[in-house]
Structure formats: C-alpha cells, structure tokens
Amino acid sequence: MNNNYPNQWEFSNTDKEMFSPNQEYKIEFYNLNEIAMGAPIGGECHLLIH
C-alpha cells in the first residue's frame, strides 16, 4: 500500500507534491465532487508545463 501524500481527501493545487520530480510539470484539479458517499471524487484535472 502506498501511503504517500497527497491523500484522496486532503490536497491542494499549491502542494509541492503536485509537481513532477524535475519541477517541469504540475497537476491541477478543479470542480471536485464526491461521486457518492465513500466513492472516489471526480472533476477536472489539468497537466501544466512550467
């Protein structure tokens, strides 16, 4: 089991973990909603090049 941050409930687009190891790419999420109680969240995900 992978226990690395960010976890599925507590993360932000400003977290350093959203960047690739070489800091060239970043993932940002928008409009996240829980699909159903206890189910995954869904929304927009964008890969940005810095």
N, C-alpha and C. Protein backbone atom coordinates (compact mmCIF):
# COMPACT_ATOMS: atom_id res chain seq x y z
N MET A 1 0.84 -1.18 0.00
CA MET A 1 0.00 0.00 0.00
C MET A 1 0.89 1.24 0.00
N ASN A 2 0.54 2.22 -0.80
CA ASN A 2 1.30 3.44 -0.91
C ASN A 2 0.69 4.50 0.01
N ASN A 3 1.42 4.94 1.01
CA ASN A 3 0.93 5.93 1.97
C ASN A 3 1.49 7.32 1.71
N ASN A 4 1.90 7.62 0.50
CA ASN A 4 2.47 8.92 0.19
C ASN A 4 1.39 9.99 0.13
N TYR A 5 1.74 11.19 0.57
CA TYR A 5 0.87 12.36 0.44
C TYR A 5 0.92 12.80 -1.00
N PRO A 6 -0.04 13.34 -1.67
CA PRO A 6 -1.33 13.72 -1.13
C PRO A 6 -2.28 12.54 -1.04
N ASN A 7 -3.17 12.58 -0.06
CA ASN A 7 -4.16 11.52 0.03
C ASN A 7 -5.42 11.94 -0.74
N GLN A 8 -6.36 11.06 -0.85
CA GLN A 8 -7.53 11.32 -1.70
C GLN A 8 -8.49 12.35 -1.14
N TRP A 9 -8.33 12.81 0.09
CA TRP A 9 -9.28 13.76 0.67
C TRP A 9 -8.64 15.09 1.04
N GLU A 10 -7.35 15.12 1.29
CA GLU A 10 -6.70 16.34 1.75
C GLU A 10 -5.53 16.69 0.84
N PHE A 11 -5.79 17.53 -0.15
CA PHE A 11 -4.74 18.00 -1.02
C PHE A 11 -5.15 19.35 -1.60
N SER A 12 -4.18 20.08 -2.08
CA SER A 12 -4.41 21.41 -2.65
C SER A 12 -3.56 21.57 -3.89
N ASN A 13 -3.99 22.41 -4.81
CA ASN A 13 -3.20 22.68 -6.00
C ASN A 13 -1.88 23.37 -5.68
N THR A 14 -1.72 23.89 -4.48
CA THR A 14 -0.48 24.55 -4.08
C THR A 14 0.52 23.60 -3.44
N ASP A 15 0.15 22.34 -3.21
CA ASP A 15 1.05 21.37 -2.59
C ASP A 15 2.23 21.08 -3.51
N LYS A 16 3.43 21.00 -2.93
CA LYS A 16 4.63 20.74 -3.72
C LYS A 16 4.59 19.36 -4.36
N GLU A 17 3.81 18.44 -3.81
CA GLU A 17 3.70 17.09 -4.36
C GLU A 17 2.95 17.06 -5.70
N MET A 18 2.31 18.17 -6.07
CA MET A 18 1.60 18.22 -7.35
C MET A 18 2.55 18.46 -8.51
N PHE A 19 3.84 18.75 -8.20
CA PHE A 19 4.85 18.95 -9.24
C PHE A 19 5.58 17.66 -9.54
N SER A 20 6.04 17.53 -10.78
CA SER A 20 6.87 16.37 -11.15
C SER A 20 8.22 16.49 -10.45
N PRO A 21 8.98 15.40 -10.36
CA PRO A 21 10.28 15.46 -9.68
C PRO A 21 11.24 16.52 -10.25
N ASN A 22 11.15 16.78 -11.56
CA ASN A 22 12.04 17.78 -12.15
C ASN A 22 11.40 19.18 -12.17
N GLN A 23 10.23 19.33 -11.56
CA GLN A 23 9.52 20.61 -11.45
C GLN A 23 9.06 21.18 -12.79
N GLU A 24 9.10 20.36 -13.85
CA GLU A 24 8.70 20.84 -15.17
C GLU A 24 7.19 20.76 -15.38
N TYR A 25 6.53 19.83 -14.72
CA TYR A 25 5.10 19.61 -14.90
C TYR A 25 4.36 19.74 -13.56
N LYS A 26 3.09 20.11 -13.65
CA LYS A 26 2.27 20.24 -12.45
C LYS A 26 0.85 19.78 -12.79
N ILE A 27 0.20 19.14 -11.84
CA ILE A 27 -1.20 18.73 -11.99
C ILE A 27 -2.06 19.67 -11.16
N GLU A 28 -3.16 20.15 -11.75
CA GLU A 28 -4.13 20.97 -11.03
C GLU A 28 -5.51 20.36 -11.19
N PHE A 29 -6.28 20.39 -10.11
CA PHE A 29 -7.64 19.85 -10.09
C PHE A 29 -8.64 20.98 -9.89
N TYR A 30 -9.82 20.84 -10.50
CA TYR A 30 -10.89 21.83 -10.35
C TYR A 30 -12.23 21.12 -10.27
N ASN A 31 -13.18 21.79 -9.63
CA ASN A 31 -14.57 21.31 -9.57
C ASN A 31 -14.69 19.87 -9.10
N LEU A 32 -14.02 19.56 -8.00
CA LEU A 32 -14.04 18.19 -7.47
C LEU A 32 -15.31 17.94 -6.66
N ASN A 33 -15.92 16.80 -6.90
CA ASN A 33 -17.12 16.39 -6.19
C ASN A 33 -17.03 14.91 -5.86
N GLU A 34 -17.55 14.55 -4.71
CA GLU A 34 -17.62 13.14 -4.35
C GLU A 34 -18.75 12.51 -5.16
N ILE A 35 -18.47 11.42 -5.85
CA ILE A 35 -19.46 10.77 -6.71
C ILE A 35 -20.58 10.20 -5.86
N ALA A 36 -20.26 9.55 -4.77
CA ALA A 36 -21.23 9.02 -3.80
C ALA A 36 -20.49 8.87 -2.48
N MET A 37 -21.20 8.76 -1.40
CA MET A 37 -20.54 8.66 -0.10
C MET A 37 -19.60 7.46 -0.07
N GLY A 38 -18.36 7.72 0.22
CA GLY A 38 -17.35 6.68 0.27
C GLY A 38 -16.77 6.31 -1.09
N ALA A 39 -17.27 6.93 -2.15
CA ALA A 39 -16.80 6.65 -3.51
C ALA A 39 -15.69 7.64 -3.89
N PRO A 40 -15.02 7.41 -5.01
CA PRO A 40 -13.98 8.34 -5.45
C PRO A 40 -14.56 9.72 -5.75
N ILE A 41 -13.64 10.71 -5.85
CA ILE A 41 -14.06 12.04 -6.26
C ILE A 41 -13.81 12.19 -7.76
N GLY A 42 -14.57 13.05 -8.38
CA GLY A 42 -14.42 13.29 -9.81
C GLY A 42 -14.36 14.78 -10.08
N GLY A 43 -13.75 15.17 -11.16
CA GLY A 43 -13.65 16.57 -11.54
C GLY A 43 -12.66 16.74 -12.67
N GLU A 44 -12.29 17.98 -12.91
CA GLU A 44 -11.33 18.30 -13.98
C GLU A 44 -9.90 18.17 -13.46
N CYS A 45 -9.03 17.66 -14.31
CA CYS A 45 -7.61 17.54 -13.98
C CYS A 45 -6.82 18.08 -15.18
N HIS A 46 -5.86 18.96 -14.90
CA HIS A 46 -5.06 19.56 -15.97
C HIS A 46 -3.58 19.35 -15.70
N LEU A 47 -2.85 18.99 -16.75
CA LEU A 47 -1.40 18.87 -16.67
C LEU A 47 -0.81 20.15 -17.24
N LEU A 48 -0.06 20.88 -16.41
CA LEU A 48 0.52 22.15 -16.81
C LEU A 48 2.03 22.00 -17.01
N ILE A 49 2.57 22.69 -17.99
CA ILE A 49 4.00 22.72 -18.23
C ILE A 49 4.52 24.06 -17.74
N HIS A 50 5.54 24.01 -16.88
CA HIS A 50 6.09 25.25 -16.31
C HIS A 50 7.33 25.66 -17.05
